[in-house]
Amino acid sequence: QVQLVESGGGLVQSGGSLRLSCAASGSIFPIYDMGWYRQASGNQRELVATITSGGSTNYADSVKGRFAISRDNAKNTVYLQMNYLKPEDTAAYYCNVRFAHLGTYWGQGTQVVVSS
């Protein structure tokens, strides 16, 4: 059974940093793309950043230059380093992992709150 376990959320002051992690387990098939999405209260879920198996990255304009996505293929883990956080970054953050043959799975979400 595939599991995605997220960690690293919390409360931080504006301008601070957090690092999110998402570890995937339970699949014998390779992982293709990994990514992070977020959903603020009352809003739709939106893309934050993605990374391919080859390491190519894509970012939402709102986080470019502040957030960095990376992955450790040996650990089946994706990270999101978030710097210079702003109150508008407050949201539940979800990891998203696309497996060969199995499709896409979502993590349970981790809350990030940025105080002004």
C-alpha atoms as a PDB file:
ATOM      1  CA  GLN A   1       0.000   0.000   0.000  1.00  0.00           C
ATOM      2  CA  VAL A   2       1.393   3.356  -1.050  1.00  0.00           C
ATOM      3  CA  GLN A   3       1.955   5.870   1.715  1.00  0.00           C
ATOM      4  CA  LEU A   4       3.128   9.464   1.553  1.00  0.00           C
ATOM      5  CA  VAL A   5       4.241  10.853   4.890  1.00  0.00           C
ATOM      6  CA  GLU A   6       4.731  14.596   5.124  1.00  0.00           C
ATOM      7  CA  SER A   7       6.505  16.547   7.803  1.00  0.00           C
ATOM      8  CA  GLY A   8       7.985  19.940   8.501  1.00  0.00           C
ATOM      9  CA  GLY A   9       5.022  22.275   8.659  1.00  0.00           C
ATOM     10  CA  GLY A  10       4.448  24.702  11.487  1.00  0.00           C
ATOM     11  CA  LEU A  11       4.204  28.306  12.588  1.00  0.00           C
ATOM     12  CA  VAL A  12       6.851  30.774  11.498  1.00  0.00           C
ATOM     13  CA  GLN A  13       7.212  34.529  11.425  1.00  0.00           C
ATOM     14  CA  SER A  14       7.222  36.455   8.189  1.00  0.00           C
ATOM     15  CA  GLY A  15      10.666  36.273   6.618  1.00  0.00           C
ATOM     16  CA  GLY A  16      11.429  32.938   8.208  1.00  0.00           C
ATOM     17  CA  SER A  17      12.106  29.535   6.705  1.00  0.00           C
ATOM     18  CA  LEU A  18      10.658  26.036   6.826  1.00  0.00           C
ATOM     19  CA  ARG A  19      11.589  22.781   5.146  1.00  0.00           C
ATOM     20  CA  LEU A  20       8.899  20.297   4.191  1.00  0.00           C
ATOM     21  CA  SER A  21       9.584  16.622   3.545  1.00  0.00           C
ATOM     22  CA  CYS A  22       7.472  13.919   1.945  1.00  0.00           C
ATOM     23  CA  ALA A  23       8.585  10.298   2.013  1.00  0.00           C
ATOM     24  CA  ALA A  24       6.934   7.754  -0.274  1.00  0.00           C
ATOM     25  CA  SER A  25       6.780   4.075   0.559  1.00  0.00           C
ATOM     26  CA  GLY A  26       4.925   0.905  -0.351  1.00  0.00           C
ATOM     27  CA  SER A  27       5.523   0.837  -4.110  1.00  0.00           C
ATOM     28  CA  ILE A  28       7.847  -1.366  -6.112  1.00  0.00           C
ATOM     29  CA  PHE A  29       7.428   0.819  -9.179  1.00  0.00           C
ATOM     30  CA  PRO A  30       9.562   3.835 -10.083  1.00  0.00           C
ATOM     31  CA  ILE A  31       8.548   7.378  -9.234  1.00  0.00           C
ATOM     32  CA  TYR A  32       8.162   9.884 -12.018  1.00  0.00           C
ATOM     33  CA  ASP A  33       7.234  13.413 -11.021  1.00  0.00           C
ATOM     34  CA  MET A  34       7.062  14.693  -7.454  1.00  0.00           C
ATOM     35  CA  GLY A  35       5.624  17.981  -6.367  1.00  0.00           C
ATOM     36  CA  TRP A  36       4.089  20.253  -3.804  1.00  0.00           C
ATOM     37  CA  TYR A  37       0.707  21.939  -3.931  1.00  0.00           C
ATOM     38  CA  ARG A  38      -1.014  24.164  -1.418  1.00  0.00           C
ATOM     39  CA  GLN A  39      -4.525  25.123  -0.495  1.00  0.00           C
ATOM     40  CA  ALA A  40      -5.349  28.203   1.522  1.00  0.00           C
ATOM     41  CA  SER A  41      -8.649  28.449   3.338  1.00  0.00           C
ATOM     42  CA  GLY A  42     -11.433  29.176   0.854  1.00  0.00           C
ATOM     43  CA  ASN A  43      -9.173  28.761  -2.164  1.00  0.00           C
ATOM     44  CA  GLN A  44      -8.551  26.043  -4.687  1.00  0.00           C
ATOM     45  CA  ARG A  45      -5.496  23.843  -4.478  1.00  0.00           C
ATOM     46  CA  GLU A  46      -2.642  25.318  -6.486  1.00  0.00           C
ATOM     47  CA  LEU A  47       0.709  24.164  -7.745  1.00  0.00           C
ATOM     48  CA  VAL A  48       3.756  25.310  -5.792  1.00  0.00           C
ATOM     49  CA  ALA A  49       6.609  23.350  -7.380  1.00  0.00           C
ATOM     50  CA  THR A  50       7.337  20.133  -9.228  1.00  0.00           C
ATOM     51  CA  ILE A  51      10.428  18.113  -9.993  1.00  0.00           C
ATOM     52  CA  THR A  52      10.869  15.363 -12.561  1.00  0.00           C
ATOM     53  CA  SER A  53      12.817  12.151 -12.097  1.00  0.00           C
ATOM     54  CA  GLY A  54      15.627  13.828 -14.009  1.00  0.00           C
ATOM     55  CA  GLY A  55      15.695  16.835 -11.731  1.00  0.00           C
ATOM     56  CA  SER A  56      13.943  19.430 -13.883  1.00  0.00           C
ATOM     57  CA  THR A  57      11.962  21.838 -11.756  1.00  0.00           C
ATOM     58  CA  ASN A  58       8.957  24.093 -12.198  1.00  0.00           C
ATOM     59  CA  TYR A  59       7.715  26.782  -9.822  1.00  0.00           C
ATOM     60  CA  ALA A  60       4.682  28.941  -9.371  1.00  0.00           C
ATOM     61  CA  ASP A  61       5.544  32.573 -10.073  1.00  0.00           C
ATOM     62  CA  SER A  62       4.590  33.507  -6.526  1.00  0.00           C
ATOM     63  CA  VAL A  63       7.370  31.372  -5.010  1.00  0.00           C
ATOM     64  CA  LYS A  64      10.164  31.712  -7.562  1.00  0.00           C
ATOM     65  CA  GLY A  65      13.380  32.812  -5.920  1.00  0.00           C
ATOM     66  CA  ARG A  66      12.112  31.939  -2.430  1.00  0.00           C
ATOM     67  CA  PHE A  67      11.277  28.212  -2.541  1.00  0.00           C
ATOM     68  CA  ALA A  68      13.422  25.318  -3.736  1.00  0.00           C
ATOM     69  CA  ILE A  69      12.233  21.811  -4.484  1.00  0.00           C
ATOM     70  CA  SER A  70      14.577  18.844  -4.421  1.00  0.00           C
ATOM     71  CA  ARG A  71      14.391  15.078  -4.210  1.00  0.00           C
ATOM     72  CA  ASP A  72      16.407  12.149  -2.952  1.00  0.00           C
ATOM     73  CA  ASN A  73      15.635   9.255  -5.272  1.00  0.00           C
ATOM     74  CA  ALA A  74      17.371   6.740  -3.030  1.00  0.00           C
ATOM     75  CA  LYS A  75      14.985   7.680  -0.216  1.00  0.00           C
ATOM     76  CA  ASN A  76      11.912   8.304  -2.403  1.00  0.00           C
ATOM     77  CA  THR A  77      11.650  11.662  -0.689  1.00  0.00           C
ATOM     78  CA  VAL A  78      10.831  15.123  -1.968  1.00  0.00           C
ATOM     79  CA  TYR A  79      11.682  18.314  -0.107  1.00  0.00           C
ATOM     80  CA  LEU A  80      10.495  21.894  -0.248  1.00  0.00           C
ATOM     81  CA  GLN A  81      12.808  24.514   1.228  1.00  0.00           C
ATOM     82  CA  MET A  82      10.777  27.637   1.852  1.00  0.00           C
ATOM     83  CA  ASN A  83      12.636  30.870   2.548  1.00  0.00           C
ATOM     84  CA  TYR A  84      11.483  34.456   3.013  1.00  0.00           C
ATOM     85  CA  LEU A  85       8.044  33.238   3.915  1.00  0.00           C
ATOM     86  CA  LYS A  86       5.130  35.650   3.672  1.00  0.00           C
ATOM     87  CA  PRO A  87       1.710  35.602   5.347  1.00  0.00           C
ATOM     88  CA  GLU A  88       0.176  34.785   1.967  1.00  0.00           C
ATOM     89  CA  ASP A  89       2.120  31.508   1.970  1.00  0.00           C
ATOM     90  CA  THR A  90      -0.128  30.311   4.800  1.00  0.00           C
ATOM     91  CA  ALA A  91      -1.860  27.155   3.589  1.00  0.00           C
ATOM     92  CA  ALA A  92      -2.045  23.406   3.862  1.00  0.00           C
ATOM     93  CA  TYR A  93       0.771  21.955   1.773  1.00  0.00           C
ATOM     94  CA  TYR A  94       0.303  18.629   0.001  1.00  0.00           C
ATOM     95  CA  CYS A  95       2.894  16.487  -1.684  1.00  0.00           C
ATOM     96  CA  ASN A  96       2.001  14.784  -4.932  1.00  0.00           C
ATOM     97  CA  VAL A  97       3.818  11.759  -6.334  1.00  0.00           C
ATOM     98  CA  ARG A  98       3.292  10.081  -9.685  1.00  0.00           C
ATOM     99  CA  PHE A  99       4.282   6.422  -9.799  1.00  0.00           C
ATOM    100  CA  ALA A 100       4.828   4.261 -12.842  1.00  0.00           C
ATOM    101  CA  HIS A 101       1.770   2.040 -13.429  1.00  0.00           C
ATOM    102  CA  LEU A 102       0.013   3.232 -10.250  1.00  0.00           C
ATOM    103  CA  GLY A 103      -0.832   6.812 -11.025  1.00  0.00           C
ATOM    104  CA  THR A 104      -0.797   9.822  -8.738  1.00  0.00           C
ATOM    105  CA  TYR A 105      -1.023   9.893  -4.965  1.00  0.00           C
ATOM    106  CA  TRP A 106      -1.439  12.734  -2.472  1.00  0.00           C
ATOM    107  CA  GLY A 107      -0.058  13.214   0.999  1.00  0.00           C
ATOM    108  CA  GLN A 108      -2.280  14.022   3.943  1.00  0.00           C
ATOM    109  CA  GLY A 109      -1.199  17.663   4.057  1.00  0.00           C
ATOM    110  CA  THR A 110       0.895  19.669   6.468  1.00  0.00           C
ATOM    111  CA  GLN A 111      -0.116  23.086   7.714  1.00  0.00           C
ATOM    112  CA  VAL A 112       2.108  26.126   7.282  1.00  0.00           C
ATOM    113  CA  VAL A 113       1.185  29.332   9.092  1.00  0.00           C
ATOM    114  CA  VAL A 114       3.171  32.501   8.529  1.00  0.00           C
ATOM    115  CA  SER A 115       2.517  35.289  10.996  1.00  0.00           C
ATOM    116  CA  SER A 116       3.041  38.933  10.124  1.00  0.00           C
END
